[in-house]
Amino acid sequence: MLTKKDYELYSQKAAEYLDKAGIAITDEEKSRIEVAEYELGCIEKVGLELVVYVNTERCCAKELVLLPFQTCPEHRHPEIAGEEGKEETFRCRYGKVYLYVEGEGDGPIQGKVPEGMENYFTCKKEIVLLPGEQYTIMPNTLHWFQAGEEGAVVSEFSTKSRDEFDIYTDPRIDAAGKRNVE
């Protein structure tokens, strides 16, 4: 579980990356930076930091921060109570993002699957996003993503976000508790 000290460290790093990307956030938003560590105890490899601007019944907007080679684990956004899962568009603002979605790839991937977790990263179709480039992920599509060597900032625009219902390939991850702070 994430300690208060780690939360403070990673939220501060996220604020620094947002500044590098030229993305202004208010002091109130800085105080609300979320740190997702997925209860795996290896946030430097598997985790991300985020700021949620808005999340209504119809839309959601967030900034996602990934430190160098930090990875958001493979997951999908399923249908919930008859409502289609989340559709999301990722737009790279800073750095390089390796995004992987269902489907066959064209060869070896450029991203680095976290050691010992190879069974939990099955998507191999690679999309590389540089600043100003974007990609839309349709509902219920299995995907994962990772920052390159300089880290990355990604703006996410989506339908309603209900992260607590996300389904992860790694059975150790409990979506409802992935942002706990001790």
C-alpha atoms as a PDB file:
ATOM      1  CA  MET A   1       0.000   0.000   0.000  1.00  0.00           C
ATOM      2  CA  LEU A   2       1.173   3.525  -0.763  1.00  0.00           C
ATOM      3  CA  THR A   3       2.688   5.393   2.162  1.00  0.00           C
ATOM      4  CA  LYS A   4       2.061   9.098   2.768  1.00  0.00           C
ATOM      5  CA  LYS A   5       5.757   9.773   2.080  1.00  0.00           C
ATOM      6  CA  ASP A   6       5.575   7.986  -1.300  1.00  0.00           C
ATOM      7  CA  TYR A   7       2.331   9.759  -2.148  1.00  0.00           C
ATOM      8  CA  GLU A   8       3.955  13.135  -1.481  1.00  0.00           C
ATOM      9  CA  LEU A   9       7.047  12.216  -3.530  1.00  0.00           C
ATOM     10  CA  TYR A  10       5.135  10.924  -6.558  1.00  0.00           C
ATOM     11  CA  SER A  11       2.526  13.686  -6.543  1.00  0.00           C
ATOM     12  CA  GLN A  12       5.350  16.263  -6.462  1.00  0.00           C
ATOM     13  CA  LYS A  13       7.071  14.518  -9.393  1.00  0.00           C
ATOM     14  CA  ALA A  14       3.761  14.558 -11.284  1.00  0.00           C
ATOM     15  CA  ALA A  15       3.402  18.309 -10.717  1.00  0.00           C
ATOM     16  CA  GLU A  16       6.947  18.797 -12.065  1.00  0.00           C
ATOM     17  CA  TYR A  17       6.155  16.796 -15.209  1.00  0.00           C
ATOM     18  CA  LEU A  18       2.951  18.736 -15.811  1.00  0.00           C
ATOM     19  CA  ASP A  19       5.014  21.914 -15.564  1.00  0.00           C
ATOM     20  CA  LYS A  20       7.579  20.499 -18.067  1.00  0.00           C
ATOM     21  CA  ALA A  21       4.690  19.802 -20.430  1.00  0.00           C
ATOM     22  CA  GLY A  22       3.460  23.386 -20.068  1.00  0.00           C
ATOM     23  CA  ILE A  23       0.211  22.267 -18.467  1.00  0.00           C
ATOM     24  CA  ALA A  24      -0.963  24.699 -15.807  1.00  0.00           C
ATOM     25  CA  ILE A  25      -2.891  23.296 -12.874  1.00  0.00           C
ATOM     26  CA  THR A  26      -4.208  25.153  -9.856  1.00  0.00           C
ATOM     27  CA  ASP A  27      -2.963  24.657  -6.306  1.00  0.00           C
ATOM     28  CA  GLU A  28      -6.264  22.937  -5.546  1.00  0.00           C
ATOM     29  CA  GLU A  29      -5.658  20.492  -8.435  1.00  0.00           C
ATOM     30  CA  LYS A  30      -2.095  19.897  -7.209  1.00  0.00           C
ATOM     31  CA  SER A  31      -3.549  18.930  -3.841  1.00  0.00           C
ATOM     32  CA  ARG A  32      -5.797  16.372  -5.614  1.00  0.00           C
ATOM     33  CA  ILE A  33      -3.126  14.586  -7.669  1.00  0.00           C
ATOM     34  CA  GLU A  34      -3.846  10.878  -7.435  1.00  0.00           C
ATOM     35  CA  VAL A  35      -1.108   8.271  -7.275  1.00  0.00           C
ATOM     36  CA  ALA A  36      -2.073   4.840  -8.598  1.00  0.00           C
ATOM     37  CA  GLU A  37       0.315   2.176  -7.370  1.00  0.00           C
ATOM     38  CA  TYR A  38      -1.974  -0.836  -7.881  1.00  0.00           C
ATOM     39  CA  GLU A  39      -0.907  -2.394  -4.546  1.00  0.00           C
ATOM     40  CA  LEU A  40       1.984  -4.215  -6.234  1.00  0.00           C
ATOM     41  CA  GLY A  41       4.756  -2.467  -4.303  1.00  0.00           C
ATOM     42  CA  CYS A  42       6.674  -1.410  -7.415  1.00  0.00           C
ATOM     43  CA  ILE A  43       5.287   2.019  -8.295  1.00  0.00           C
ATOM     44  CA  GLU A  44       8.462   3.003 -10.130  1.00  0.00           C
ATOM     45  CA  LYS A  45       7.641   0.227 -12.657  1.00  0.00           C
ATOM     46  CA  VAL A  46       3.849  -0.178 -12.449  1.00  0.00           C
ATOM     47  CA  GLY A  47       1.859   2.926 -11.576  1.00  0.00           C
ATOM     48  CA  LEU A  48       0.889   6.381 -12.723  1.00  0.00           C
ATOM     49  CA  GLU A  49      -0.081   9.779 -11.403  1.00  0.00           C
ATOM     50  CA  LEU A  50      -3.166  11.692 -12.497  1.00  0.00           C
ATOM     51  CA  VAL A  51      -5.298  14.778 -12.161  1.00  0.00           C
ATOM     52  CA  VAL A  52      -9.019  14.487 -12.867  1.00  0.00           C
ATOM     53  CA  TYR A  53     -10.495  17.765 -14.128  1.00  0.00           C
ATOM     54  CA  VAL A  54     -14.044  16.580 -14.664  1.00  0.00           C
ATOM     55  CA  ASN A  55     -15.922  13.274 -14.517  1.00  0.00           C
ATOM     56  CA  THR A  56     -19.651  13.573 -15.184  1.00  0.00           C
ATOM     57  CA  GLU A  57     -22.288  11.148 -16.440  1.00  0.00           C
ATOM     58  CA  ARG A  58     -21.286  12.071 -20.011  1.00  0.00           C
ATOM     59  CA  CYS A  59     -17.592  12.937 -20.108  1.00  0.00           C
ATOM     60  CA  CYS A  60     -14.258  12.848 -18.335  1.00  0.00           C
ATOM     61  CA  ALA A  61     -10.973  14.749 -18.742  1.00  0.00           C
ATOM     62  CA  LYS A  62      -7.695  13.858 -16.989  1.00  0.00           C
ATOM     63  CA  GLU A  63      -3.968  14.374 -17.186  1.00  0.00           C
ATOM     64  CA  LEU A  64      -1.962  11.166 -16.816  1.00  0.00           C
ATOM     65  CA  VAL A  65       1.687  11.371 -15.788  1.00  0.00           C
ATOM     66  CA  LEU A  66       4.103   8.494 -16.253  1.00  0.00           C
ATOM     67  CA  LEU A  67       7.652   8.714 -14.965  1.00  0.00           C
ATOM     68  CA  PRO A  68      10.438   7.186 -17.101  1.00  0.00           C
ATOM     69  CA  PHE A  69       9.395   3.641 -18.099  1.00  0.00           C
ATOM     70  CA  GLN A  70       6.477   3.707 -15.627  1.00  0.00           C
ATOM     71  CA  THR A  71       3.670   1.472 -16.863  1.00  0.00           C
ATOM     72  CA  CYS A  72      -0.106   1.467 -16.533  1.00  0.00           C
ATOM     73  CA  PRO A  73      -1.024  -2.230 -16.291  1.00  0.00           C
ATOM     74  CA  GLU A  74      -3.074  -4.060 -18.889  1.00  0.00           C
ATOM     75  CA  HIS A  75      -6.815  -3.592 -18.396  1.00  0.00           C
ATOM     76  CA  ARG A  76     -10.129  -2.980 -20.100  1.00  0.00           C
ATOM     77  CA  HIS A  77     -13.219  -0.868 -19.428  1.00  0.00           C
ATOM     78  CA  PRO A  78     -16.192  -3.282 -19.525  1.00  0.00           C
ATOM     79  CA  GLU A  79     -19.893  -2.748 -19.971  1.00  0.00           C
ATOM     80  CA  ILE A  80     -21.537  -1.848 -16.655  1.00  0.00           C
ATOM     81  CA  ALA A  81     -25.227  -2.417 -15.939  1.00  0.00           C
ATOM     82  CA  GLY A  82     -26.080  -2.380 -19.639  1.00  0.00           C
ATOM     83  CA  GLU A  83     -24.003   0.761 -20.336  1.00  0.00           C
ATOM     84  CA  GLU A  84     -21.113   0.576 -22.762  1.00  0.00           C
ATOM     85  CA  GLY A  85     -17.641   0.721 -21.204  1.00  0.00           C
ATOM     86  CA  LYS A  86     -15.420   3.795 -21.347  1.00  0.00           C
ATOM     87  CA  GLU A  87     -14.190   5.068 -24.707  1.00  0.00           C
ATOM     88  CA  GLU A  88     -10.992   7.075 -24.261  1.00  0.00           C
ATOM     89  CA  THR A  89      -8.709   9.184 -26.384  1.00  0.00           C
ATOM     90  CA  PHE A  90      -5.095   9.590 -25.311  1.00  0.00           C
ATOM     91  CA  ARG A  91      -3.246  12.683 -26.556  1.00  0.00           C
ATOM     92  CA  CYS A  92       0.477  12.829 -25.834  1.00  0.00           C
ATOM     93  CA  ARG A  93       1.560  16.210 -24.445  1.00  0.00           C
ATOM     94  CA  TYR A  94       5.143  15.449 -23.409  1.00  0.00           C
ATOM     95  CA  GLY A  95       7.634  12.620 -23.942  1.00  0.00           C
ATOM     96  CA  LYS A  96       6.899   9.371 -25.718  1.00  0.00           C
ATOM     97  CA  VAL A  97       4.137   6.881 -24.943  1.00  0.00           C
ATOM     98  CA  TYR A  98       4.126   3.252 -25.981  1.00  0.00           C
ATOM     99  CA  LEU A  99       0.476   2.165 -26.144  1.00  0.00           C
ATOM    100  CA  TYR A 100      -0.477  -1.473 -26.649  1.00  0.00           C
ATOM    101  CA  VAL A 101      -3.916  -2.697 -27.680  1.00  0.00           C
ATOM    102  CA  GLU A 102      -5.420  -6.044 -28.595  1.00  0.00           C
ATOM    103  CA  GLY A 103      -4.192  -7.467 -31.879  1.00  0.00           C
ATOM    104  CA  GLU A 104      -1.023  -8.745 -33.450  1.00  0.00           C
ATOM    105  CA  GLY A 105       2.032  -6.553 -33.583  1.00  0.00           C
ATOM    106  CA  ASP A 106       4.449  -6.087 -36.464  1.00  0.00           C
ATOM    107  CA  GLY A 107       7.442  -7.465 -34.564  1.00  0.00           C
ATOM    108  CA  PRO A 108       9.127  -6.979 -31.213  1.00  0.00           C
ATOM    109  CA  ILE A 109       7.685  -4.205 -29.086  1.00  0.00           C
ATOM    110  CA  GLN A 110       9.707  -1.168 -28.030  1.00  0.00           C
ATOM    111  CA  GLY A 111       8.232  -0.983 -24.526  1.00  0.00           C
ATOM    112  CA  LYS A 112       9.722  -2.902 -21.614  1.00  0.00           C
ATOM    113  CA  VAL A 113       7.350  -5.324 -19.919  1.00  0.00           C
ATOM    114  CA  PRO A 114       8.088  -5.199 -16.174  1.00  0.00           C
ATOM    115  CA  GLU A 115      10.298  -8.136 -15.235  1.00  0.00           C
ATOM    116  CA  GLY A 116       8.399 -11.082 -13.778  1.00  0.00           C
ATOM    117  CA  MET A 117       5.050  -9.758 -15.062  1.00  0.00           C
ATOM    118  CA  GLU A 118       5.238 -11.015 -18.640  1.00  0.00           C
ATOM    119  CA  ASN A 119       2.036 -13.082 -18.296  1.00  0.00           C
ATOM    120  CA  TYR A 120       0.035  -9.936 -17.472  1.00  0.00           C
ATOM    121  CA  PHE A 121       0.963  -7.916 -20.579  1.00  0.00           C
ATOM    122  CA  THR A 122      -0.567  -9.750 -23.538  1.00  0.00           C
ATOM    123  CA  CYS A 123      -1.375  -6.914 -25.974  1.00  0.00           C
ATOM    124  CA  LYS A 124       1.284  -6.578 -28.657  1.00  0.00           C
ATOM    125  CA  LYS A 125      -0.191  -4.153 -31.218  1.00  0.00           C
ATOM    126  CA  GLU A 126       2.014  -1.090 -30.664  1.00  0.00           C
ATOM    127  CA  ILE A 127       1.059   2.546 -31.149  1.00  0.00           C
ATOM    128  CA  VAL A 128       3.797   5.088 -30.409  1.00  0.00           C
ATOM    129  CA  LEU A 129       2.538   8.549 -29.464  1.00  0.00           C
ATOM    130  CA  LEU A 130       4.695  11.664 -29.567  1.00  0.00           C
ATOM    131  CA  PRO A 131       3.599  15.152 -28.485  1.00  0.00           C
ATOM    132  CA  GLY A 132       0.508  16.217 -30.432  1.00  0.00           C
ATOM    133  CA  GLU A 133      -0.405  12.675 -31.507  1.00  0.00           C
ATOM    134  CA  GLN A 134      -3.453  10.844 -30.239  1.00  0.00           C
ATOM    135  CA  TYR A 135      -5.238   7.495 -30.352  1.00  0.00           C
ATOM    136  CA  THR A 136      -8.776   6.456 -29.407  1.00  0.00           C
ATOM    137  CA  ILE A 137      -9.399   3.205 -27.519  1.00  0.00           C
ATOM    138  CA  MET A 138     -12.866   1.770 -27.962  1.00  0.00           C
ATOM    139  CA  PRO A 139     -14.874   0.365 -25.012  1.00  0.00           C
ATOM    140  CA  ASN A 140     -13.886  -3.031 -23.602  1.00  0.00           C
ATOM    141  CA  THR A 141     -10.555  -3.047 -25.495  1.00  0.00           C
ATOM    142  CA  LEU A 142      -7.683  -4.595 -23.600  1.00  0.00           C
ATOM    143  CA  HIS A 143      -4.742  -2.148 -23.416  1.00  0.00           C
ATOM    144  CA  TRP A 144      -1.667  -1.016 -21.468  1.00  0.00           C
ATOM    145  CA  PHE A 145       0.784   1.831 -21.877  1.00  0.00           C
ATOM    146  CA  GLN A 146       4.242   2.946 -20.807  1.00  0.00           C
ATOM    147  CA  ALA A 147       6.351   6.099 -20.889  1.00  0.00           C
ATOM    148  CA  GLY A 148       9.649   6.265 -22.708  1.00  0.00           C
ATOM    149  CA  GLU A 149      12.959   7.215 -21.132  1.00  0.00           C
ATOM    150  CA  GLU A 150      12.027  10.856 -20.420  1.00  0.00           C
ATOM    151  CA  GLY A 151       8.609  10.117 -18.922  1.00  0.00           C
ATOM    152  CA  ALA A 152       5.333  11.268 -20.445  1.00  0.00           C
ATOM    153  CA  VAL A 153       2.248  13.378 -19.929  1.00  0.00           C
ATOM    154  CA  VAL A 154      -0.965  12.256 -21.614  1.00  0.00           C
ATOM    155  CA  SER A 155      -4.289  14.057 -21.732  1.00  0.00           C
ATOM    156  CA  GLU A 156      -7.206  11.636 -21.537  1.00  0.00           C
ATOM    157  CA  PHE A 157     -10.606  12.587 -22.919  1.00  0.00           C
ATOM    158  CA  SER A 158     -13.294   9.960 -22.397  1.00  0.00           C
ATOM    159  CA  THR A 159     -16.809   9.021 -21.641  1.00  0.00           C
ATOM    160  CA  LYS A 160     -17.646   8.639 -17.929  1.00  0.00           C
ATOM    161  CA  SER A 161     -14.762   7.105 -16.006  1.00  0.00           C
ATOM    162  CA  ARG A 162     -15.628   4.306 -13.607  1.00  0.00           C
ATOM    163  CA  ASP A 163     -12.156   3.021 -12.795  1.00  0.00           C
ATOM    164  CA  GLU A 164     -13.462   0.907  -9.930  1.00  0.00           C
ATOM    165  CA  PHE A 165     -14.961  -1.472 -12.535  1.00  0.00           C
ATOM    166  CA  ASP A 166     -11.843  -1.823 -14.706  1.00  0.00           C
ATOM    167  CA  ILE A 167     -10.768  -5.412 -15.279  1.00  0.00           C
ATOM    168  CA  TYR A 168      -7.018  -6.078 -15.056  1.00  0.00           C
ATOM    169  CA  THR A 169      -5.114  -8.976 -16.605  1.00  0.00           C
ATOM    170  CA  ASP A 170      -3.034  -9.240 -13.428  1.00  0.00           C
ATOM    171  CA  PRO A 171      -5.336 -10.875 -10.841  1.00  0.00           C
ATOM    172  CA  ARG A 172      -3.381  -9.242  -7.981  1.00  0.00           C
ATOM    173  CA  ILE A 173      -4.808  -5.837  -8.892  1.00  0.00           C
ATOM    174  CA  ASP A 174      -8.045  -4.791  -7.213  1.00  0.00           C
ATOM    175  CA  ALA A 175      -9.347  -1.850  -9.260  1.00  0.00           C
ATOM    176  CA  ALA A 176     -11.436  -0.490  -6.398  1.00  0.00           C
ATOM    177  CA  GLY A 177      -8.419  -0.163  -4.093  1.00  0.00           C
ATOM    178  CA  LYS A 178      -5.670   0.873  -6.468  1.00  0.00           C
ATOM    179  CA  ARG A 179      -5.236   4.399  -5.104  1.00  0.00           C
ATOM    180  CA  ASN A 180      -5.124   3.791  -1.397  1.00  0.00           C
ATOM    181  CA  VAL A 181      -2.734   5.775   0.791  1.00  0.00           C
ATOM    182  CA  GLU A 182      -1.575   4.355   4.137  1.00  0.00           C
END
